[in-house]
Amino acid sequence: MSDRWQRLLGEVWRFFAVAQLATWVSFVLFNVLAHGWLVGRTLMADQPIGAYVLANSVGMVISYHGARGWVFPHRPPQQADGGWTAYVVINLLAMVLPVGCLFLTRHVLAMDSALADNLSANGVGLVLAFVARFYLFKRFVFRRPAEPPVPVVAPS
């Protein structure tokens, strides 16, 4: 396997590991807020999409620091804010996928169980968002530094 493929697979694996940590935090927080898991009292039962966005915003902070420090440390920030603004924008755009799945399940299919919420948003939606985020983060946030141009030497 070439060095390029090994490096890509390493990045995918580390990105997946960071995403798993952020996802588990988001998953637990969403279910605490929307379904009362672990606390017995539902705090945002009538606002599952708001609970999902809040929980995943916490996960976003975790994933940024993991991606910046462990997944892509060899790709120095190209933006003054370390890529944070682009990271947030991409996360919010990618969040449309699981939120759309949750909306579809809740409002079109009229399914509001914890199982339905988690299969749609934290299953199908997150898989779609994972693929989109990996590509977009690598392309726009954690870019490889630009290669210096090769000088052209005119014949003398």
N, C-alpha and C. Protein backbone atom coordinates (compact mmCIF):
# COMPACT_ATOMS: atom_id res chain seq x y z
N MET A 1 0.86 -1.18 0.00
CA MET A 1 0.00 0.00 0.00
C MET A 1 0.90 1.24 0.00
N SER A 2 0.56 2.20 -0.81
CA SER A 2 1.38 3.41 -0.92
C SER A 2 1.27 4.25 0.34
N ASP A 3 2.28 5.12 0.51
CA ASP A 3 2.28 6.02 1.67
C ASP A 3 1.05 6.91 1.68
N ARG A 4 0.63 7.34 0.49
CA ARG A 4 -0.55 8.23 0.41
C ARG A 4 -1.79 7.51 0.93
N TRP A 5 -2.00 6.27 0.53
CA TRP A 5 -3.16 5.51 1.00
C TRP A 5 -3.07 5.20 2.48
N GLN A 6 -1.87 4.89 2.98
CA GLN A 6 -1.70 4.64 4.42
C GLN A 6 -2.03 5.90 5.22
N ARG A 7 -1.56 7.03 4.73
CA ARG A 7 -1.85 8.31 5.41
C ARG A 7 -3.34 8.60 5.40
N LEU A 8 -4.00 8.38 4.25
CA LEU A 8 -5.45 8.61 4.14
C LEU A 8 -6.21 7.69 5.08
N LEU A 9 -5.86 6.41 5.09
CA LEU A 9 -6.55 5.47 5.98
C LEU A 9 -6.32 5.83 7.45
N GLY A 10 -5.12 6.29 7.78
CA GLY A 10 -4.85 6.74 9.15
C GLY A 10 -5.71 7.94 9.52
N GLU A 11 -5.85 8.88 8.59
CA GLU A 11 -6.71 10.03 8.85
C GLU A 11 -8.17 9.62 9.01
N VAL A 12 -8.62 8.72 8.15
CA VAL A 12 -10.01 8.26 8.25
C VAL A 12 -10.23 7.57 9.59
N TRP A 13 -9.30 6.71 10.00
CA TRP A 13 -9.44 5.99 11.27
C TRP A 13 -9.46 6.96 12.45
N ARG A 14 -8.53 7.91 12.49
CA ARG A 14 -8.51 8.88 13.60
C ARG A 14 -9.74 9.76 13.58
N PHE A 15 -10.17 10.18 12.38
CA PHE A 15 -11.39 10.98 12.26
C PHE A 15 -12.58 10.20 12.78
N PHE A 16 -12.65 8.92 12.44
CA PHE A 16 -13.74 8.06 12.92
C PHE A 16 -13.71 7.95 14.44
N ALA A 17 -12.52 7.78 15.03
CA ALA A 17 -12.40 7.66 16.49
C ALA A 17 -12.85 8.94 17.19
N VAL A 18 -12.42 10.09 16.69
CA VAL A 18 -12.85 11.38 17.27
C VAL A 18 -14.35 11.55 17.09
N ALA A 19 -14.85 11.20 15.90
CA ALA A 19 -16.28 11.31 15.64
C ALA A 19 -17.08 10.41 16.58
N GLN A 20 -16.55 9.23 16.89
CA GLN A 20 -17.24 8.33 17.81
C GLN A 20 -17.36 8.94 19.20
N LEU A 21 -16.28 9.52 19.69
CA LEU A 21 -16.33 10.16 21.01
C LEU A 21 -17.36 11.29 21.01
N ALA A 22 -17.29 12.16 20.01
CA ALA A 22 -18.24 13.28 19.93
C ALA A 22 -19.67 12.76 19.76
N THR A 23 -19.83 11.70 18.98
CA THR A 23 -21.16 11.14 18.74
C THR A 23 -21.75 10.54 20.00
N TRP A 24 -20.94 9.84 20.77
CA TRP A 24 -21.46 9.24 22.01
C TRP A 24 -21.87 10.33 23.01
N VAL A 25 -21.08 11.38 23.10
CA VAL A 25 -21.46 12.50 23.98
C VAL A 25 -22.77 13.10 23.49
N SER A 26 -22.87 13.34 22.19
CA SER A 26 -24.09 13.91 21.61
C SER A 26 -25.28 12.98 21.79
N PHE A 27 -25.06 11.70 21.56
CA PHE A 27 -26.11 10.68 21.69
C PHE A 27 -26.69 10.67 23.10
N VAL A 28 -25.81 10.61 24.09
CA VAL A 28 -26.28 10.58 25.48
C VAL A 28 -26.99 11.88 25.83
N LEU A 29 -26.39 13.00 25.47
CA LEU A 29 -27.00 14.29 25.79
C LEU A 29 -28.36 14.46 25.10
N PHE A 30 -28.46 14.07 23.83
CA PHE A 30 -29.74 14.14 23.11
C PHE A 30 -30.80 13.30 23.82
N ASN A 31 -30.45 12.09 24.21
CA ASN A 31 -31.42 11.21 24.84
C ASN A 31 -31.78 11.65 26.26
N VAL A 32 -30.86 12.28 26.95
CA VAL A 32 -31.19 12.87 28.25
C VAL A 32 -32.20 14.00 28.05
N LEU A 33 -31.93 14.87 27.09
CA LEU A 33 -32.80 16.02 26.86
C LEU A 33 -34.15 15.64 26.26
N ALA A 34 -34.16 14.78 25.25
CA ALA A 34 -35.39 14.49 24.51
C ALA A 34 -36.21 13.34 25.09
N HIS A 35 -35.52 12.40 25.79
CA HIS A 35 -36.24 11.21 26.25
C HIS A 35 -36.07 10.91 27.74
N GLY A 36 -35.32 11.74 28.45
CA GLY A 36 -35.18 11.58 29.88
C GLY A 36 -34.28 10.44 30.32
N TRP A 37 -33.46 9.93 29.42
CA TRP A 37 -32.54 8.85 29.79
C TRP A 37 -31.62 9.32 30.91
N LEU A 38 -31.30 8.45 31.81
CA LEU A 38 -30.38 8.66 32.93
C LEU A 38 -30.90 9.61 34.01
N VAL A 39 -31.81 10.51 33.67
CA VAL A 39 -32.31 11.46 34.66
C VAL A 39 -33.77 11.23 35.00
N GLY A 40 -34.48 10.46 34.17
CA GLY A 40 -35.87 10.13 34.43
C GLY A 40 -36.86 11.21 34.09
N ARG A 41 -36.39 12.40 33.87
CA ARG A 41 -37.27 13.52 33.57
C ARG A 41 -36.90 14.08 32.20
N THR A 42 -37.87 14.17 31.33
CA THR A 42 -37.62 14.67 29.98
C THR A 42 -37.58 16.19 30.01
N LEU A 43 -36.47 16.75 29.60
CA LEU A 43 -36.28 18.20 29.66
C LEU A 43 -36.76 18.91 28.40
N MET A 44 -36.65 18.24 27.24
CA MET A 44 -37.03 18.88 25.97
C MET A 44 -37.86 17.91 25.12
N ALA A 45 -38.83 17.24 25.72
CA ALA A 45 -39.63 16.24 25.01
C ALA A 45 -40.36 16.84 23.81
N ASP A 46 -40.80 18.05 23.92
CA ASP A 46 -41.55 18.67 22.83
C ASP A 46 -40.65 19.41 21.84
N GLN A 47 -39.34 19.32 22.04
CA GLN A 47 -38.38 20.01 21.16
C GLN A 47 -37.23 19.07 20.77
N PRO A 48 -37.52 17.95 20.10
CA PRO A 48 -36.45 16.99 19.79
C PRO A 48 -35.40 17.56 18.84
N ILE A 49 -35.81 18.40 17.91
CA ILE A 49 -34.83 18.97 16.99
C ILE A 49 -33.92 19.95 17.72
N GLY A 50 -34.48 20.76 18.59
CA GLY A 50 -33.66 21.66 19.42
C GLY A 50 -32.71 20.89 20.31
N ALA A 51 -33.20 19.80 20.90
CA ALA A 51 -32.35 18.94 21.74
C ALA A 51 -31.21 18.35 20.92
N TYR A 52 -31.53 17.95 19.70
CA TYR A 52 -30.52 17.36 18.82
C TYR A 52 -29.45 18.40 18.45
N VAL A 53 -29.88 19.59 18.10
CA VAL A 53 -28.94 20.65 17.72
C VAL A 53 -28.06 21.03 18.92
N LEU A 54 -28.64 21.17 20.09
CA LEU A 54 -27.87 21.49 21.30
C LEU A 54 -26.85 20.40 21.61
N ALA A 55 -27.30 19.16 21.61
CA ALA A 55 -26.40 18.04 21.92
C ALA A 55 -25.26 17.96 20.91
N ASN A 56 -25.57 18.16 19.65
CA ASN A 56 -24.54 18.06 18.63
C ASN A 56 -23.63 19.28 18.59
N SER A 57 -24.06 20.39 19.13
CA SER A 57 -23.18 21.54 19.26
C SER A 57 -22.08 21.25 20.28
N VAL A 58 -22.43 20.56 21.35
CA VAL A 58 -21.42 20.13 22.33
C VAL A 58 -20.46 19.15 21.66
N GLY A 59 -21.00 18.20 20.90
CA GLY A 59 -20.16 17.25 20.18
C GLY A 59 -19.25 17.94 19.18
N MET A 60 -19.72 19.03 18.58
CA MET A 60 -18.93 19.76 17.59
C MET A 60 -17.66 20.35 18.23
N VAL A 61 -17.78 20.87 19.43
CA VAL A 61 -16.62 21.43 20.12
C VAL A 61 -15.60 20.32 20.40
N ILE A 62 -16.09 19.18 20.84
CA ILE A 62 -15.21 18.03 21.11
C ILE A 62 -14.52 17.59 19.82
N SER A 63 -15.28 17.47 18.74
CA SER A 63 -14.70 16.97 17.49
C SER A 63 -13.71 17.96 16.88
N TYR A 64 -13.94 19.26 17.04
CA TYR A 64 -12.98 20.22 16.51
C TYR A 64 -11.62 20.05 17.18
N HIS A 65 -11.63 19.99 18.49
CA HIS A 65 -10.36 19.89 19.21
C HIS A 65 -9.67 18.56 18.92
N GLY A 66 -10.44 17.49 18.78
CA GLY A 66 -9.84 16.20 18.42
C GLY A 66 -9.28 16.21 17.02
N ALA A 67 -10.01 16.81 16.08
CA ALA A 67 -9.54 16.86 14.69
C ALA A 67 -8.31 17.75 14.56
N ARG A 68 -8.34 18.90 15.20
CA ARG A 68 -7.21 19.83 15.11
C ARG A 68 -5.96 19.23 15.76
N GLY A 69 -6.14 18.61 16.93
CA GLY A 69 -4.98 18.14 17.68
C GLY A 69 -4.50 16.74 17.35
N TRP A 70 -5.38 15.86 16.83
CA TRP A 70 -4.97 14.47 16.64
C TRP A 70 -5.13 13.98 15.21
N VAL A 71 -6.21 14.33 14.54
CA VAL A 71 -6.45 13.82 13.19
C VAL A 71 -5.59 14.56 12.16
N PHE A 72 -5.59 15.87 12.23
CA PHE A 72 -4.90 16.68 11.22
C PHE A 72 -3.86 17.63 11.83
N PRO A 73 -3.03 17.18 12.77
CA PRO A 73 -2.05 18.12 13.36
C PRO A 73 -0.98 18.53 12.35
N HIS A 74 -0.79 17.72 11.32
CA HIS A 74 0.22 17.99 10.29
C HIS A 74 -0.28 18.99 9.24
N ARG A 75 -1.51 19.43 9.39
CA ARG A 75 -2.08 20.41 8.47
C ARG A 75 -2.31 21.70 9.26
N PRO A 76 -1.36 22.61 9.24
CA PRO A 76 -1.49 23.83 10.04
C PRO A 76 -2.67 24.67 9.60
N PRO A 77 -3.23 25.43 10.53
CA PRO A 77 -4.38 26.28 10.20
C PRO A 77 -4.03 27.25 9.08
N GLN A 78 -4.96 27.39 8.14
CA GLN A 78 -4.79 28.33 7.03
C GLN A 78 -5.56 29.62 7.30
N GLN A 79 -6.45 29.59 8.32
CA GLN A 79 -7.27 30.75 8.65
C GLN A 79 -6.81 31.31 9.99
N ALA A 80 -7.08 32.57 10.20
CA ALA A 80 -6.65 33.24 11.43
C ALA A 80 -7.27 32.61 12.68
N ASP A 81 -8.49 32.08 12.57
CA ASP A 81 -9.15 31.49 13.74
C ASP A 81 -8.89 29.99 13.85
N GLY A 82 -7.92 29.47 13.13
CA GLY A 82 -7.59 28.05 13.19
C GLY A 82 -8.58 27.18 12.44
N GLY A 83 -9.44 27.80 11.66
CA GLY A 83 -10.44 27.05 10.91
C GLY A 83 -11.75 26.86 11.65
N TRP A 84 -11.86 27.48 12.84
CA TRP A 84 -13.06 27.28 13.66
C TRP A 84 -14.34 27.72 12.95
N THR A 85 -14.32 28.89 12.30
CA THR A 85 -15.52 29.38 11.63
C THR A 85 -15.94 28.44 10.51
N ALA A 86 -15.01 28.04 9.68
CA ALA A 86 -15.33 27.10 8.60
C ALA A 86 -15.82 25.77 9.18
N TYR A 87 -15.21 25.34 10.27
CA TYR A 87 -15.61 24.09 10.92
C TYR A 87 -17.06 24.15 11.39
N VAL A 88 -17.42 25.25 12.02
CA VAL A 88 -18.79 25.43 12.51
C VAL A 88 -19.77 25.48 11.34
N VAL A 89 -19.44 26.23 10.30
CA VAL A 89 -20.33 26.34 9.14
C VAL A 89 -20.54 24.96 8.50
N ILE A 90 -19.46 24.22 8.31
CA ILE A 90 -19.58 22.88 7.71
C ILE A 90 -20.39 21.97 8.60
N ASN A 91 -20.16 22.02 9.91
CA ASN A 91 -20.94 21.19 10.84
C ASN A 91 -22.42 21.54 10.78
N LEU A 92 -22.73 22.82 10.73
CA LEU A 92 -24.14 23.22 10.67
C LEU A 92 -24.78 22.77 9.36
N LEU A 93 -24.04 22.89 8.26
CA LEU A 93 -24.56 22.41 6.98
C LEU A 93 -24.75 20.88 7.00
N ALA A 94 -23.77 20.17 7.54
CA ALA A 94 -23.87 18.70 7.60
C ALA A 94 -24.96 18.26 8.58
N MET A 95 -25.24 19.09 9.59
CA MET A 95 -26.27 18.75 10.57
C MET A 95 -27.66 18.72 9.93
N VAL A 96 -27.80 19.35 8.78
CA VAL A 96 -29.07 19.32 8.06
C VAL A 96 -29.46 17.87 7.73
N LEU A 97 -28.49 17.02 7.47
CA LEU A 97 -28.78 15.63 7.10
C LEU A 97 -29.46 14.86 8.25
N PRO A 98 -28.84 14.76 9.45
CA PRO A 98 -29.54 14.04 10.51
C PRO A 98 -30.79 14.76 11.02
N VAL A 99 -30.78 16.09 11.03
CA VAL A 99 -31.98 16.83 11.44
C VAL A 99 -33.11 16.59 10.45
N GLY A 100 -32.77 16.54 9.17
CA GLY A 100 -33.78 16.22 8.15
C GLY A 100 -34.35 14.83 8.34
N CYS A 101 -33.49 13.87 8.68
CA CYS A 101 -33.96 12.50 8.96
C CYS A 101 -34.88 12.49 10.18
N LEU A 102 -34.50 13.22 11.23
CA LEU A 102 -35.31 13.31 12.44
C LEU A 102 -36.65 13.98 12.14
N PHE A 103 -36.63 15.06 11.37
CA PHE A 103 -37.86 15.75 10.99
C PHE A 103 -38.78 14.81 10.20
N LEU A 104 -38.21 14.10 9.26
CA LEU A 104 -38.98 13.16 8.45
C LEU A 104 -39.64 12.09 9.32
N THR A 105 -38.88 11.53 10.22
CA THR A 105 -39.42 10.50 11.10
C THR A 105 -40.51 11.05 12.01
N ARG A 106 -40.25 12.21 12.59
CA ARG A 106 -41.20 12.80 13.54
C ARG A 106 -42.45 13.35 12.86
N HIS A 107 -42.28 14.13 11.79
CA HIS A 107 -43.39 14.90 11.24
C HIS A 107 -44.03 14.31 9.99
N VAL A 108 -43.34 13.45 9.28
CA VAL A 108 -43.94 12.83 8.09
C VAL A 108 -44.42 11.41 8.43
N LEU A 109 -43.56 10.66 9.11
CA LEU A 109 -43.92 9.29 9.46
C LEU A 109 -44.65 9.19 10.81
N ALA A 110 -44.70 10.28 11.56
CA ALA A 110 -45.37 10.36 12.87
C ALA A 110 -44.85 9.30 13.84
N MET A 111 -43.53 9.11 13.84
CA MET A 111 -42.90 8.18 14.78
C MET A 111 -42.09 9.00 15.77
N ASP A 112 -42.40 8.87 17.07
CA ASP A 112 -41.71 9.69 18.05
C ASP A 112 -41.08 8.91 19.19
N SER A 113 -40.83 7.63 18.98
CA SER A 113 -40.18 6.84 20.02
C SER A 113 -38.69 7.13 20.05
N ALA A 114 -38.05 6.78 21.14
CA ALA A 114 -36.60 6.95 21.25
C ALA A 114 -35.89 6.13 20.18
N LEU A 115 -36.40 4.93 19.90
CA LEU A 115 -35.79 4.09 18.88
C LEU A 115 -35.88 4.75 17.50
N ALA A 116 -37.05 5.25 17.15
CA ALA A 116 -37.22 5.91 15.85
C ALA A 116 -36.33 7.15 15.74
N ASP A 117 -36.28 7.96 16.79
CA ASP A 117 -35.43 9.15 16.77
C ASP A 117 -33.97 8.78 16.57
N ASN A 118 -33.51 7.77 17.30
CA ASN A 118 -32.10 7.40 17.24
C ASN A 118 -31.73 6.70 15.95
N LEU A 119 -32.61 5.89 15.41
CA LEU A 119 -32.31 5.25 14.13
C LEU A 119 -32.25 6.27 13.00
N SER A 120 -33.17 7.23 13.02
CA SER A 120 -33.19 8.21 11.93
C SER A 120 -32.06 9.23 12.07
N ALA A 121 -31.96 9.88 13.21
CA ALA A 121 -30.97 10.95 13.37
C ALA A 121 -29.57 10.42 13.68
N ASN A 122 -29.47 9.52 14.65
CA ASN A 122 -28.16 9.05 15.10
C ASN A 122 -27.69 7.82 14.33
N GLY A 123 -28.50 7.30 13.45
CA GLY A 123 -28.11 6.18 12.60
C GLY A 123 -27.91 6.66 11.18
N VAL A 124 -28.97 6.70 10.43
CA VAL A 124 -28.92 7.08 9.01
C VAL A 124 -28.34 8.48 8.82
N GLY A 125 -28.84 9.44 9.55
CA GLY A 125 -28.40 10.82 9.38
C GLY A 125 -26.94 11.04 9.67
N LEU A 126 -26.43 10.40 10.75
CA LEU A 126 -25.03 10.61 11.10
C LEU A 126 -24.08 9.94 10.12
N VAL A 127 -24.47 8.82 9.55
CA VAL A 127 -23.61 8.18 8.54
C VAL A 127 -23.46 9.12 7.34
N LEU A 128 -24.58 9.66 6.88
CA LEU A 128 -24.53 10.61 5.76
C LEU A 128 -23.69 11.84 6.11
N ALA A 129 -23.88 12.37 7.31
CA ALA A 129 -23.15 13.57 7.73
C ALA A 129 -21.67 13.28 7.92
N PHE A 130 -21.32 12.08 8.39
CA PHE A 130 -19.91 11.70 8.59
C PHE A 130 -19.14 11.80 7.28
N VAL A 131 -19.69 11.22 6.24
CA VAL A 131 -19.03 11.23 4.93
C VAL A 131 -18.89 12.67 4.43
N ALA A 132 -19.95 13.44 4.53
CA ALA A 132 -19.91 14.83 4.06
C ALA A 132 -18.88 15.64 4.85
N ARG A 133 -18.88 15.49 6.18
CA ARG A 133 -17.96 16.27 7.01
C ARG A 133 -16.51 15.91 6.74
N PHE A 134 -16.18 14.62 6.62
CA PHE A 134 -14.79 14.23 6.39
C PHE A 134 -14.27 14.92 5.13
N TYR A 135 -15.02 14.81 4.05
CA TYR A 135 -14.58 15.42 2.79
C TYR A 135 -14.46 16.95 2.92
N LEU A 136 -15.49 17.58 3.48
CA LEU A 136 -15.49 19.04 3.56
C LEU A 136 -14.43 19.58 4.52
N PHE A 137 -14.22 18.90 5.67
CA PHE A 137 -13.19 19.34 6.61
C PHE A 137 -11.81 19.24 5.98
N LYS A 138 -11.56 18.12 5.33
CA LYS A 138 -10.26 17.93 4.72
C LYS A 138 -10.04 18.93 3.59
N ARG A 139 -11.07 19.24 2.87
CA ARG A 139 -10.97 20.14 1.71
C ARG A 139 -10.89 21.62 2.11
N PHE A 140 -11.64 22.03 3.15
CA PHE A 140 -11.75 23.45 3.46
C PHE A 140 -11.17 23.89 4.80
N VAL A 141 -11.09 23.00 5.78
CA VAL A 141 -10.62 23.41 7.10
C VAL A 141 -9.20 22.95 7.36
N PHE A 142 -8.94 21.67 7.17
CA PHE A 142 -7.62 21.10 7.47
C PHE A 142 -6.89 20.83 6.15
N ARG A 143 -6.68 21.90 5.41
CA ARG A 143 -6.04 21.79 4.10
C ARG A 143 -4.55 21.56 4.25
N ARG A 144 -4.03 20.87 3.28
CA ARG A 144 -2.58 20.70 3.21
C ARG A 144 -1.99 22.05 2.82
N PRO A 145 -0.86 22.42 3.42
CA PRO A 145 -0.25 23.70 3.04
C PRO A 145 0.05 23.72 1.55
N ALA A 146 -0.09 24.88 0.96
CA ALA A 146 0.17 25.02 -0.47
C ALA A 146 1.64 24.74 -0.76
N GLU A 147 1.87 24.00 -1.80
CA GLU A 147 3.23 23.70 -2.20
C GLU A 147 3.82 24.93 -2.86
N PRO A 148 5.07 25.26 -2.53
CA PRO A 148 5.66 26.42 -3.18
C PRO A 148 5.83 26.12 -4.68
N PRO A 149 5.63 27.13 -5.51
CA PRO A 149 5.77 26.91 -6.94
C PRO A 149 7.21 26.54 -7.30
N VAL A 150 7.33 25.68 -8.27
CA VAL A 150 8.66 25.29 -8.74
C VAL A 150 9.17 26.42 -9.63
N PRO A 151 10.35 26.95 -9.31
CA PRO A 151 10.87 28.06 -10.12
C PRO A 151 11.19 27.59 -11.53
N VAL A 152 10.85 28.41 -12.47
CA VAL A 152 11.15 28.13 -13.86
C VAL A 152 12.45 28.84 -14.20
N VAL A 153 13.39 28.08 -14.68
CA VAL A 153 14.70 28.65 -15.01
C VAL A 153 14.76 28.78 -16.52
N ALA A 154 14.97 29.99 -16.97
CA ALA A 154 15.08 30.25 -18.41
C ALA A 154 16.47 29.83 -18.89
N PRO A 155 16.51 29.23 -20.06
CA PRO A 155 17.84 28.84 -20.57
C PRO A 155 18.69 30.09 -20.83
N SER A 156 19.97 29.97 -20.53
CA SER A 156 20.83 31.13 -20.74
C SER A 156 21.64 31.03 -21.99
